[in-house]
Amino acid sequence: MARRWRRLMRSAHWCLMSTLLVVGLCAAAVTAHADSQDERRVRTGARLFRALLAADMDIERRVGDKGWLDIGILAARTEDADALSRLMVPVDAPDQALVRGYPMRVRRLQTLSDGEPAPAAVFLANRLSDSELAALIDWSRRHQALLYSPYEGDVERGVMAGLSIEAKVVPYVNQSALTAAQVQLKPFFMKVAKVHP
């Protein structure tokens, strides 16, 4: 009887350990999948970001004193901003550094403040908390700076533009956010974009 009990306990122990291992691996896979989905959205968004800039009907007023478009990548890490910068302006394609004839100057931003000149546009490289995102949305409207987030749900929360991934990848814009910041996009861009009222 004691031997049978020990064998049963050993079997139960191995079953429990196996179950915990499988649950742990599944949780890790789900987390890795979510991270890779966000990473893909960010990379895809960086490649499409120039199309949003080119669709801005008032791009000329966004050009700085030195003749370029100042583009900010709001990123927690320099490596993230550098990688996104290379996607926005590939080193081997200098013609892509121009948006409607204006050169882009892409730089990393850690924070945004009212005391310094606002960039023409801001690309959100990392997810923000609700309060951080609300503050950034308010800042972008006050400064009439284009705000782009590749993260799902951010356009609905008030970000001006992002991307929608359904049957195909299309720009996704928040019409009321654009209106509040007095940003007008070309009609063709608006026809191909998914529009959130």
N, C-alpha and C. Protein backbone atom coordinates (compact mmCIF):
# COMPACT_ATOMS: atom_id res chain seq x y z
N MET A 1 0.82 -1.18 0.00
CA MET A 1 0.00 0.00 0.00
C MET A 1 0.87 1.26 0.00
N ALA A 2 1.91 1.27 0.86
CA ALA A 2 2.80 2.44 0.93
C ALA A 2 3.53 2.64 -0.40
N ARG A 3 3.94 1.53 -1.02
CA ARG A 3 4.65 1.61 -2.29
C ARG A 3 3.73 2.18 -3.37
N ARG A 4 2.51 1.73 -3.38
CA ARG A 4 1.54 2.23 -4.34
C ARG A 4 1.29 3.72 -4.12
N TRP A 5 1.21 4.10 -2.88
CA TRP A 5 0.99 5.52 -2.53
C TRP A 5 2.15 6.38 -3.03
N ARG A 6 3.39 5.92 -2.81
CA ARG A 6 4.56 6.66 -3.29
C ARG A 6 4.57 6.76 -4.81
N ARG A 7 4.24 5.67 -5.48
CA ARG A 7 4.20 5.69 -6.93
C ARG A 7 3.13 6.66 -7.43
N LEU A 8 2.00 6.69 -6.80
CA LEU A 8 0.93 7.60 -7.15
C LEU A 8 1.36 9.05 -6.92
N MET A 9 2.03 9.31 -5.81
CA MET A 9 2.50 10.67 -5.51
C MET A 9 3.57 11.11 -6.52
N ARG A 10 4.50 10.19 -6.85
CA ARG A 10 5.51 10.50 -7.86
C ARG A 10 4.87 10.82 -9.20
N SER A 11 3.90 10.06 -9.59
CA SER A 11 3.18 10.28 -10.84
C SER A 11 2.45 11.62 -10.81
N ALA A 12 1.81 11.92 -9.69
CA ALA A 12 1.10 13.19 -9.55
C ALA A 12 2.10 14.35 -9.59
N HIS A 13 3.27 14.16 -8.95
CA HIS A 13 4.31 15.20 -8.96
C HIS A 13 4.78 15.48 -10.39
N TRP A 14 5.09 14.42 -11.14
CA TRP A 14 5.54 14.59 -12.52
C TRP A 14 4.45 15.21 -13.39
N CYS A 15 3.22 14.84 -13.14
CA CYS A 15 2.10 15.41 -13.90
C CYS A 15 1.99 16.91 -13.62
N LEU A 16 2.09 17.28 -12.34
CA LEU A 16 2.02 18.68 -11.95
C LEU A 16 3.19 19.47 -12.54
N MET A 17 4.39 18.90 -12.45
CA MET A 17 5.57 19.57 -12.99
C MET A 17 5.45 19.74 -14.51
N SER A 18 4.97 18.73 -15.20
CA SER A 18 4.79 18.79 -16.65
C SER A 18 3.76 19.85 -17.01
N THR A 19 2.67 19.90 -16.25
CA THR A 19 1.63 20.89 -16.50
C THR A 19 2.18 22.30 -16.29
N LEU A 20 2.93 22.50 -15.20
CA LEU A 20 3.52 23.81 -14.95
C LEU A 20 4.49 24.21 -16.05
N LEU A 21 5.26 23.26 -16.52
CA LEU A 21 6.20 23.54 -17.60
C LEU A 21 5.45 23.96 -18.86
N VAL A 22 4.40 23.23 -19.22
CA VAL A 22 3.62 23.56 -20.41
C VAL A 22 2.97 24.93 -20.26
N VAL A 23 2.38 25.20 -19.09
CA VAL A 23 1.75 26.51 -18.85
C VAL A 23 2.79 27.62 -18.94
N GLY A 24 3.95 27.41 -18.36
CA GLY A 24 5.01 28.42 -18.43
C GLY A 24 5.48 28.67 -19.86
N LEU A 25 5.66 27.62 -20.63
CA LEU A 25 6.06 27.77 -22.03
C LEU A 25 4.99 28.49 -22.85
N CYS A 26 3.72 28.15 -22.58
CA CYS A 26 2.63 28.84 -23.30
C CYS A 26 2.60 30.32 -22.94
N ALA A 27 2.76 30.64 -21.67
CA ALA A 27 2.77 32.05 -21.26
C ALA A 27 3.93 32.79 -21.91
N ALA A 28 5.09 32.16 -21.95
CA ALA A 28 6.25 32.79 -22.59
C ALA A 28 6.00 32.99 -24.08
N ALA A 29 5.37 32.01 -24.72
CA ALA A 29 5.08 32.11 -26.15
C ALA A 29 4.08 33.23 -26.42
N VAL A 30 3.06 33.35 -25.57
CA VAL A 30 2.07 34.42 -25.75
C VAL A 30 2.73 35.78 -25.59
N THR A 31 3.59 35.93 -24.57
CA THR A 31 4.29 37.19 -24.36
C THR A 31 5.21 37.50 -25.53
N ALA A 32 5.95 36.51 -25.99
CA ALA A 32 6.85 36.72 -27.13
C ALA A 32 6.05 37.07 -28.38
N HIS A 33 4.90 36.42 -28.55
CA HIS A 33 4.06 36.71 -29.71
C HIS A 33 3.54 38.14 -29.65
N ALA A 34 3.10 38.59 -28.47
CA ALA A 34 2.61 39.96 -28.31
C ALA A 34 3.74 40.95 -28.59
N ASP A 35 4.93 40.68 -28.06
CA ASP A 35 6.07 41.57 -28.31
C ASP A 35 6.39 41.62 -29.80
N SER A 36 6.41 40.46 -30.45
CA SER A 36 6.76 40.45 -31.86
C SER A 36 5.67 41.13 -32.69
N GLN A 37 4.40 41.04 -32.28
CA GLN A 37 3.34 41.75 -32.98
C GLN A 37 3.55 43.26 -32.86
N ASP A 38 3.83 43.74 -31.64
CA ASP A 38 4.10 45.16 -31.45
C ASP A 38 5.32 45.59 -32.24
N GLU A 39 6.37 44.78 -32.22
CA GLU A 39 7.59 45.12 -32.95
C GLU A 39 7.32 45.22 -34.45
N ARG A 40 6.51 44.29 -34.97
CA ARG A 40 6.16 44.34 -36.39
C ARG A 40 5.35 45.59 -36.70
N ARG A 41 4.42 45.94 -35.82
CA ARG A 41 3.62 47.14 -36.03
C ARG A 41 4.51 48.39 -36.04
N VAL A 42 5.47 48.43 -35.12
CA VAL A 42 6.37 49.59 -35.05
C VAL A 42 7.22 49.69 -36.32
N ARG A 43 7.79 48.58 -36.76
CA ARG A 43 8.62 48.60 -37.98
C ARG A 43 7.79 48.98 -39.20
N THR A 44 6.60 48.41 -39.32
CA THR A 44 5.73 48.73 -40.45
C THR A 44 5.31 50.19 -40.39
N GLY A 45 4.97 50.67 -39.21
CA GLY A 45 4.59 52.07 -39.04
C GLY A 45 5.71 53.02 -39.41
N ALA A 46 6.94 52.67 -39.07
CA ALA A 46 8.08 53.53 -39.40
C ALA A 46 8.25 53.64 -40.91
N ARG A 47 8.00 52.54 -41.61
CA ARG A 47 8.12 52.58 -43.08
C ARG A 47 7.00 53.41 -43.72
N LEU A 48 5.82 53.41 -43.11
CA LEU A 48 4.67 54.14 -43.67
C LEU A 48 4.59 55.59 -43.20
N PHE A 49 5.36 55.95 -42.22
CA PHE A 49 5.30 57.27 -41.60
C PHE A 49 5.51 58.40 -42.61
N ARG A 50 6.44 58.20 -43.55
CA ARG A 50 6.72 59.22 -44.56
C ARG A 50 5.49 59.53 -45.40
N ALA A 51 4.64 58.53 -45.65
CA ALA A 51 3.43 58.77 -46.43
C ALA A 51 2.51 59.76 -45.72
N LEU A 52 2.43 59.66 -44.40
CA LEU A 52 1.63 60.61 -43.63
C LEU A 52 2.22 62.01 -43.77
N LEU A 53 3.52 62.12 -43.64
CA LEU A 53 4.16 63.44 -43.78
C LEU A 53 3.91 64.02 -45.16
N ALA A 54 4.04 63.19 -46.19
CA ALA A 54 3.84 63.65 -47.56
C ALA A 54 2.39 64.06 -47.82
N ALA A 55 1.45 63.51 -47.05
CA ALA A 55 0.03 63.82 -47.23
C ALA A 55 -0.38 65.11 -46.53
N ASP A 56 0.48 65.64 -45.69
CA ASP A 56 0.15 66.87 -44.96
C ASP A 56 0.06 68.04 -45.94
N MET A 57 -1.10 68.65 -46.02
CA MET A 57 -1.31 69.74 -46.98
C MET A 57 -0.55 71.01 -46.60
N ASP A 58 -0.17 71.12 -45.34
CA ASP A 58 0.56 72.31 -44.87
C ASP A 58 2.00 71.97 -44.49
N ILE A 59 2.62 71.07 -45.24
CA ILE A 59 3.97 70.61 -44.89
C ILE A 59 4.96 71.78 -44.88
N GLU A 60 4.73 72.76 -45.71
CA GLU A 60 5.66 73.90 -45.79
C GLU A 60 5.78 74.63 -44.46
N ARG A 61 4.68 74.75 -43.73
CA ARG A 61 4.75 75.47 -42.45
C ARG A 61 5.43 74.66 -41.36
N ARG A 62 5.66 73.39 -41.62
CA ARG A 62 6.35 72.53 -40.64
C ARG A 62 7.86 72.53 -40.84
N VAL A 63 8.32 73.10 -41.95
CA VAL A 63 9.75 73.14 -42.24
C VAL A 63 10.39 74.16 -41.31
N GLY A 64 11.47 73.76 -40.66
CA GLY A 64 12.15 74.63 -39.71
C GLY A 64 13.00 75.70 -40.39
N ASP A 65 13.62 76.53 -39.57
CA ASP A 65 14.47 77.63 -40.05
C ASP A 65 15.62 77.15 -40.93
N LYS A 66 16.08 75.94 -40.67
CA LYS A 66 17.23 75.42 -41.42
C LYS A 66 16.81 74.67 -42.68
N GLY A 67 15.51 74.68 -42.99
CA GLY A 67 15.04 74.08 -44.23
C GLY A 67 14.73 72.60 -44.18
N TRP A 68 14.66 72.02 -43.01
CA TRP A 68 14.35 70.60 -42.92
C TRP A 68 13.14 70.35 -42.03
N LEU A 69 12.60 69.14 -42.16
CA LEU A 69 11.51 68.69 -41.30
C LEU A 69 12.13 68.02 -40.09
N ASP A 70 11.87 68.56 -38.92
CA ASP A 70 12.38 68.01 -37.68
C ASP A 70 11.42 66.92 -37.22
N ILE A 71 11.88 65.68 -37.24
CA ILE A 71 11.06 64.53 -36.88
C ILE A 71 11.58 63.95 -35.57
N GLY A 72 10.70 63.81 -34.60
CA GLY A 72 11.08 63.24 -33.31
C GLY A 72 10.58 61.82 -33.16
N ILE A 73 11.45 60.96 -32.67
CA ILE A 73 11.06 59.60 -32.31
C ILE A 73 11.07 59.55 -30.80
N LEU A 74 9.89 59.45 -30.19
CA LEU A 74 9.79 59.38 -28.74
C LEU A 74 10.08 57.94 -28.33
N ALA A 75 11.29 57.72 -27.80
CA ALA A 75 11.77 56.37 -27.52
C ALA A 75 12.49 56.32 -26.18
N ALA A 76 12.27 55.25 -25.46
CA ALA A 76 12.93 55.06 -24.18
C ALA A 76 14.41 54.74 -24.36
N ARG A 77 14.75 54.05 -25.46
CA ARG A 77 16.14 53.64 -25.68
C ARG A 77 16.67 54.21 -26.99
N THR A 78 17.91 54.62 -26.98
CA THR A 78 18.57 55.15 -28.17
C THR A 78 18.58 54.12 -29.30
N GLU A 79 18.80 52.85 -28.96
CA GLU A 79 18.86 51.79 -29.97
C GLU A 79 17.55 51.70 -30.74
N ASP A 80 16.42 51.85 -30.03
CA ASP A 80 15.11 51.79 -30.69
C ASP A 80 14.96 52.95 -31.68
N ALA A 81 15.32 54.14 -31.24
CA ALA A 81 15.21 55.32 -32.11
C ALA A 81 16.13 55.19 -33.32
N ASP A 82 17.34 54.69 -33.13
CA ASP A 82 18.27 54.53 -34.24
C ASP A 82 17.74 53.54 -35.27
N ALA A 83 17.20 52.43 -34.81
CA ALA A 83 16.66 51.42 -35.72
C ALA A 83 15.48 51.98 -36.51
N LEU A 84 14.61 52.72 -35.84
CA LEU A 84 13.46 53.31 -36.53
C LEU A 84 13.90 54.40 -37.50
N SER A 85 14.88 55.15 -37.12
CA SER A 85 15.41 56.19 -38.01
C SER A 85 15.91 55.58 -39.31
N ARG A 86 16.59 54.44 -39.21
CA ARG A 86 17.09 53.77 -40.41
C ARG A 86 15.95 53.24 -41.29
N LEU A 87 14.81 52.90 -40.69
CA LEU A 87 13.66 52.47 -41.48
C LEU A 87 12.98 53.66 -42.16
N MET A 88 12.95 54.79 -41.47
CA MET A 88 12.33 55.99 -42.04
C MET A 88 13.18 56.60 -43.13
N VAL A 89 14.49 56.58 -42.93
CA VAL A 89 15.43 57.16 -43.88
C VAL A 89 16.55 56.15 -44.12
N PRO A 90 16.33 55.17 -45.00
CA PRO A 90 17.35 54.16 -45.24
C PRO A 90 18.65 54.78 -45.75
N VAL A 91 19.75 54.34 -45.23
CA VAL A 91 21.07 54.88 -45.59
C VAL A 91 21.35 54.66 -47.07
N ASP A 92 20.90 53.54 -47.62
CA ASP A 92 21.18 53.22 -49.02
C ASP A 92 20.18 53.86 -50.00
N ALA A 93 19.25 54.66 -49.50
CA ALA A 93 18.25 55.32 -50.36
C ALA A 93 18.10 56.78 -49.95
N PRO A 94 19.09 57.62 -50.28
CA PRO A 94 19.06 59.02 -49.85
C PRO A 94 17.85 59.79 -50.36
N ASP A 95 17.27 59.36 -51.49
CA ASP A 95 16.08 60.05 -52.00
C ASP A 95 14.89 59.91 -51.05
N GLN A 96 14.91 58.86 -50.21
CA GLN A 96 13.84 58.67 -49.24
C GLN A 96 14.00 59.58 -48.03
N ALA A 97 15.08 60.31 -47.97
CA ALA A 97 15.28 61.27 -46.88
C ALA A 97 14.50 62.55 -47.14
N LEU A 98 13.88 62.63 -48.32
CA LEU A 98 13.11 63.82 -48.68
C LEU A 98 11.61 63.54 -48.59
N VAL A 99 10.88 64.51 -48.08
CA VAL A 99 9.43 64.46 -48.08
C VAL A 99 8.97 65.69 -48.86
N ARG A 100 8.44 65.44 -50.04
CA ARG A 100 8.01 66.52 -50.95
C ARG A 100 9.10 67.58 -51.12
N GLY A 101 10.33 67.08 -51.26
CA GLY A 101 11.45 67.97 -51.52
C GLY A 101 12.17 68.50 -50.29
N TYR A 102 11.63 68.25 -49.11
CA TYR A 102 12.24 68.75 -47.87
C TYR A 102 12.98 67.60 -47.17
N PRO A 103 14.23 67.85 -46.77
CA PRO A 103 14.98 66.81 -46.06
C PRO A 103 14.42 66.61 -44.64
N MET A 104 14.51 65.37 -44.18
CA MET A 104 14.09 65.05 -42.82
C MET A 104 15.31 64.98 -41.91
N ARG A 105 15.16 65.53 -40.73
CA ARG A 105 16.16 65.37 -39.67
C ARG A 105 15.46 64.58 -38.58
N VAL A 106 15.87 63.34 -38.40
CA VAL A 106 15.22 62.45 -37.44
C VAL A 106 16.08 62.38 -36.19
N ARG A 107 15.45 62.59 -35.04
CA ARG A 107 16.19 62.55 -33.78
C ARG A 107 15.35 61.90 -32.69
N ARG A 108 16.04 61.38 -31.69
CA ARG A 108 15.38 60.75 -30.56
C ARG A 108 14.94 61.81 -29.56
N LEU A 109 13.73 61.63 -29.06
CA LEU A 109 13.22 62.47 -27.99
C LEU A 109 12.97 61.58 -26.77
N GLN A 110 13.34 62.08 -25.61
CA GLN A 110 13.02 61.35 -24.38
C GLN A 110 11.76 61.92 -23.75
N THR A 111 11.60 63.22 -23.89
CA THR A 111 10.41 63.91 -23.37
C THR A 111 10.08 65.06 -24.31
N LEU A 112 8.89 65.59 -24.14
CA LEU A 112 8.48 66.77 -24.89
C LEU A 112 8.08 67.84 -23.90
N SER A 113 8.49 69.07 -24.17
CA SER A 113 8.12 70.15 -23.26
C SER A 113 7.68 71.35 -24.07
N ASP A 114 7.01 72.27 -23.41
CA ASP A 114 6.54 73.48 -24.07
C ASP A 114 7.67 74.49 -24.26
N GLY A 115 8.78 74.32 -23.55
CA GLY A 115 9.86 75.31 -23.58
C GLY A 115 10.75 75.25 -24.80
N GLU A 116 10.73 74.15 -25.53
CA GLU A 116 11.62 74.04 -26.69
C GLU A 116 10.78 73.94 -27.97
N PRO A 117 11.37 74.26 -29.12
CA PRO A 117 10.61 74.20 -30.38
C PRO A 117 10.06 72.79 -30.62
N ALA A 118 8.82 72.73 -31.05
CA ALA A 118 8.18 71.45 -31.30
C ALA A 118 8.65 70.86 -32.63
N PRO A 119 8.87 69.56 -32.68
CA PRO A 119 9.18 68.94 -33.97
C PRO A 119 7.95 69.00 -34.87
N ALA A 120 8.16 68.82 -36.17
CA ALA A 120 7.05 68.81 -37.13
C ALA A 120 6.14 67.61 -36.89
N ALA A 121 6.74 66.50 -36.48
CA ALA A 121 5.98 65.27 -36.24
C ALA A 121 6.70 64.44 -35.19
N VAL A 122 5.90 63.63 -34.50
CA VAL A 122 6.43 62.74 -33.46
C VAL A 122 5.95 61.32 -33.74
N PHE A 123 6.90 60.39 -33.75
CA PHE A 123 6.61 58.96 -33.91
C PHE A 123 6.78 58.31 -32.55
N LEU A 124 5.76 57.63 -32.09
CA LEU A 124 5.77 56.99 -30.78
C LEU A 124 6.39 55.59 -30.90
N ALA A 125 7.57 55.39 -30.32
CA ALA A 125 8.29 54.13 -30.45
C ALA A 125 7.94 53.13 -29.35
N ASN A 126 7.42 53.60 -28.24
CA ASN A 126 7.09 52.72 -27.11
C ASN A 126 5.67 52.98 -26.66
N ARG A 127 5.05 51.96 -26.11
CA ARG A 127 3.71 52.13 -25.54
C ARG A 127 3.79 53.08 -24.35
N LEU A 128 2.75 53.87 -24.18
CA LEU A 128 2.69 54.80 -23.05
C LEU A 128 1.50 54.43 -22.17
N SER A 129 1.56 54.84 -20.92
CA SER A 129 0.42 54.66 -20.03
C SER A 129 -0.70 55.58 -20.50
N ASP A 130 -1.89 55.37 -20.00
CA ASP A 130 -3.03 56.22 -20.40
C ASP A 130 -2.76 57.69 -20.12
N SER A 131 -2.23 57.98 -18.94
CA SER A 131 -2.00 59.38 -18.59
C SER A 131 -0.87 59.99 -19.43
N GLU A 132 0.18 59.23 -19.71
CA GLU A 132 1.27 59.72 -20.56
C GLU A 132 0.78 59.99 -21.98
N LEU A 133 -0.03 59.07 -22.49
CA LEU A 133 -0.55 59.25 -23.84
C LEU A 133 -1.49 60.45 -23.91
N ALA A 134 -2.34 60.61 -22.91
CA ALA A 134 -3.26 61.77 -22.88
C ALA A 134 -2.47 63.08 -22.87
N ALA A 135 -1.39 63.14 -22.10
CA ALA A 135 -0.56 64.35 -22.05
C ALA A 135 0.12 64.60 -23.40
N LEU A 136 0.58 63.54 -24.06
CA LEU A 136 1.22 63.68 -25.37
C LEU A 136 0.22 64.14 -26.43
N ILE A 137 -0.98 63.60 -26.38
CA ILE A 137 -2.04 64.01 -27.32
C ILE A 137 -2.35 65.48 -27.14
N ASP A 138 -2.48 65.91 -25.89
CA ASP A 138 -2.74 67.32 -25.60
C ASP A 138 -1.59 68.20 -26.12
N TRP A 139 -0.35 67.79 -25.87
CA TRP A 139 0.82 68.53 -26.33
C TRP A 139 0.81 68.65 -27.85
N SER A 140 0.54 67.54 -28.56
CA SER A 140 0.58 67.57 -30.03
C SER A 140 -0.51 68.47 -30.60
N ARG A 141 -1.65 68.51 -29.96
CA ARG A 141 -2.72 69.40 -30.44
C ARG A 141 -2.35 70.86 -30.23
N ARG A 142 -1.81 71.16 -29.07
CA ARG A 142 -1.43 72.56 -28.79
C ARG A 142 -0.34 73.04 -29.74
N HIS A 143 0.58 72.16 -30.09
CA HIS A 143 1.71 72.53 -30.95
C HIS A 143 1.46 72.21 -32.42
N GLN A 144 0.30 71.66 -32.72
CA GLN A 144 -0.06 71.28 -34.09
C GLN A 144 1.02 70.40 -34.73
N ALA A 145 1.59 69.52 -33.94
CA ALA A 145 2.60 68.57 -34.41
C ALA A 145 1.90 67.26 -34.74
N LEU A 146 2.22 66.70 -35.89
CA LEU A 146 1.65 65.40 -36.25
C LEU A 146 2.08 64.36 -35.22
N LEU A 147 1.14 63.57 -34.77
CA LEU A 147 1.44 62.52 -33.79
C LEU A 147 1.05 61.18 -34.39
N TYR A 148 2.02 60.26 -34.43
CA TYR A 148 1.83 58.95 -35.05
C TYR A 148 2.16 57.86 -34.04
N SER A 149 1.23 56.92 -33.88
CA SER A 149 1.49 55.76 -33.03
C SER A 149 1.12 54.49 -33.78
N PRO A 150 2.02 53.53 -33.84
CA PRO A 150 1.71 52.27 -34.51
C PRO A 150 0.94 51.29 -33.61
N TYR A 151 0.70 51.66 -32.37
CA TYR A 151 0.10 50.73 -31.41
C TYR A 151 -1.41 50.67 -31.55
N GLU A 152 -1.93 49.46 -31.51
CA GLU A 152 -3.36 49.23 -31.63
C GLU A 152 -4.09 49.93 -30.49
N GLY A 153 -5.15 50.64 -30.85
CA GLY A 153 -5.98 51.33 -29.87
C GLY A 153 -5.62 52.78 -29.64
N ASP A 154 -4.43 53.21 -30.02
CA ASP A 154 -4.00 54.59 -29.76
C ASP A 154 -4.74 55.61 -30.63
N VAL A 155 -5.05 55.26 -31.87
CA VAL A 155 -5.78 56.20 -32.73
C VAL A 155 -7.17 56.44 -32.14
N GLU A 156 -7.81 55.39 -31.65
CA GLU A 156 -9.12 55.54 -31.03
C GLU A 156 -9.05 56.38 -29.76
N ARG A 157 -7.90 56.40 -29.12
CA ARG A 157 -7.72 57.16 -27.88
C ARG A 157 -7.35 58.61 -28.14
N GLY A 158 -7.15 59.01 -29.42
CA GLY A 158 -6.91 60.41 -29.71
C GLY A 158 -5.64 60.73 -30.46
N VAL A 159 -4.81 59.73 -30.76
CA VAL A 159 -3.61 59.97 -31.57
C VAL A 159 -4.07 60.27 -33.00
N MET A 160 -3.39 61.19 -33.67
CA MET A 160 -3.81 61.62 -35.01
C MET A 160 -3.76 60.52 -36.05
N ALA A 161 -2.70 59.71 -36.02
CA ALA A 161 -2.55 58.71 -37.09
C ALA A 161 -1.79 57.49 -36.59
N GLY A 162 -2.02 56.41 -37.30
CA GLY A 162 -1.36 55.14 -37.02
C GLY A 162 -1.56 54.23 -38.21
N LEU A 163 -1.71 52.93 -37.94
CA LEU A 163 -1.96 52.00 -39.03
C LEU A 163 -3.00 50.98 -38.61
N SER A 164 -3.70 50.48 -39.60
CA SER A 164 -4.70 49.45 -39.38
C SER A 164 -4.24 48.22 -40.14
N ILE A 165 -4.20 47.09 -39.44
CA ILE A 165 -3.81 45.85 -40.08
C ILE A 165 -5.03 44.93 -40.08
N GLU A 166 -5.61 44.78 -41.25
CA GLU A 166 -6.75 43.88 -41.42
C GLU A 166 -6.40 42.96 -42.58
N ALA A 167 -7.15 43.01 -43.67
CA ALA A 167 -6.79 42.22 -44.85
C ALA A 167 -5.49 42.75 -45.46
N LYS A 168 -5.29 44.07 -45.30
CA LYS A 168 -4.05 44.70 -45.74
C LYS A 168 -3.72 45.82 -44.76
N VAL A 169 -2.52 46.35 -44.88
CA VAL A 169 -2.08 47.44 -44.01
C VAL A 169 -2.46 48.76 -44.67
N VAL A 170 -3.20 49.58 -43.94
CA VAL A 170 -3.58 50.91 -44.45
C VAL A 170 -3.35 51.94 -43.35
N PRO A 171 -3.19 53.21 -43.75
CA PRO A 171 -3.10 54.26 -42.73
C PRO A 171 -4.42 54.32 -41.95
N TYR A 172 -4.32 54.74 -40.71
CA TYR A 172 -5.50 54.86 -39.84
C TYR A 172 -5.42 56.25 -39.21
N VAL A 173 -6.44 57.06 -39.42
CA VAL A 173 -6.40 58.42 -38.91
C VAL A 173 -7.61 58.72 -38.02
N ASN A 174 -7.40 59.61 -37.09
CA ASN A 174 -8.46 60.07 -36.19
C ASN A 174 -8.86 61.46 -36.67
N GLN A 175 -10.03 61.54 -37.31
CA GLN A 175 -10.46 62.79 -37.93
C GLN A 175 -10.63 63.91 -36.90
N SER A 176 -11.21 63.61 -35.75
CA SER A 176 -11.42 64.68 -34.76
C SER A 176 -10.09 65.17 -34.18
N ALA A 177 -9.10 64.28 -34.05
CA ALA A 177 -7.77 64.70 -33.56
C ALA A 177 -7.08 65.58 -34.60
N LEU A 178 -7.20 65.22 -35.86
CA LEU A 178 -6.62 66.05 -36.92
C LEU A 178 -7.26 67.43 -36.94
N THR A 179 -8.58 67.46 -36.83
CA THR A 179 -9.31 68.73 -36.84
C THR A 179 -8.92 69.59 -35.64
N ALA A 180 -8.80 68.97 -34.46
CA ALA A 180 -8.45 69.71 -33.25
C ALA A 180 -7.06 70.35 -33.36
N ALA A 181 -6.15 69.70 -34.09
CA ALA A 181 -4.79 70.23 -34.26
C ALA A 181 -4.65 71.04 -35.55
N GLN A 182 -5.75 71.22 -36.26
CA GLN A 182 -5.76 71.97 -37.52
C GLN A 182 -4.81 71.37 -38.55
N VAL A 183 -4.83 70.04 -38.64
CA VAL A 183 -4.01 69.32 -39.61
C VAL A 183 -4.93 68.83 -40.72
N GLN A 184 -4.55 69.12 -41.96
CA GLN A 184 -5.31 68.67 -43.12
C GLN A 184 -4.44 67.75 -43.96
N LEU A 185 -5.02 66.60 -44.31
CA LEU A 185 -4.31 65.64 -45.14
C LEU A 185 -4.93 65.61 -46.53
N LYS A 186 -4.12 65.26 -47.51
CA LYS A 186 -4.57 65.22 -48.90
C LYS A 186 -5.76 64.27 -49.06
N PRO A 187 -6.71 64.64 -49.93
CA PRO A 187 -7.90 63.80 -50.12
C PRO A 187 -7.59 62.36 -50.53
N PHE A 188 -6.58 62.17 -51.40
CA PHE A 188 -6.25 60.80 -51.81
C PHE A 188 -5.83 59.95 -50.62
N PHE A 189 -5.02 60.53 -49.74
CA PHE A 189 -4.58 59.81 -48.53
C PHE A 189 -5.79 59.42 -47.69
N MET A 190 -6.73 60.35 -47.55
CA MET A 190 -7.92 60.09 -46.75
C MET A 190 -8.80 59.02 -47.39
N LYS A 191 -8.77 58.90 -48.71
CA LYS A 191 -9.57 57.87 -49.39
C LYS A 191 -9.04 56.48 -49.12
N VAL A 192 -7.72 56.34 -49.05
CA VAL A 192 -7.15 55.01 -48.83
C VAL A 192 -7.04 54.67 -47.34
N ALA A 193 -7.16 55.67 -46.49
CA ALA A 193 -7.00 55.46 -45.05
C ALA A 193 -8.31 54.97 -44.42
N LYS A 194 -8.16 54.26 -43.33
CA LYS A 194 -9.30 53.95 -42.47
C LYS A 194 -9.46 55.18 -41.56
N VAL A 195 -10.68 55.68 -41.43
CA VAL A 195 -10.90 56.92 -40.69
C VAL A 195 -11.73 56.64 -39.44
N HIS A 196 -11.18 57.06 -38.31
CA HIS A 196 -11.92 57.03 -37.04
C HIS A 196 -12.54 58.42 -36.87
N PRO A 197 -13.86 58.48 -36.62
CA PRO A 197 -14.49 59.80 -36.55
C PRO A 197 -14.00 60.57 -35.37
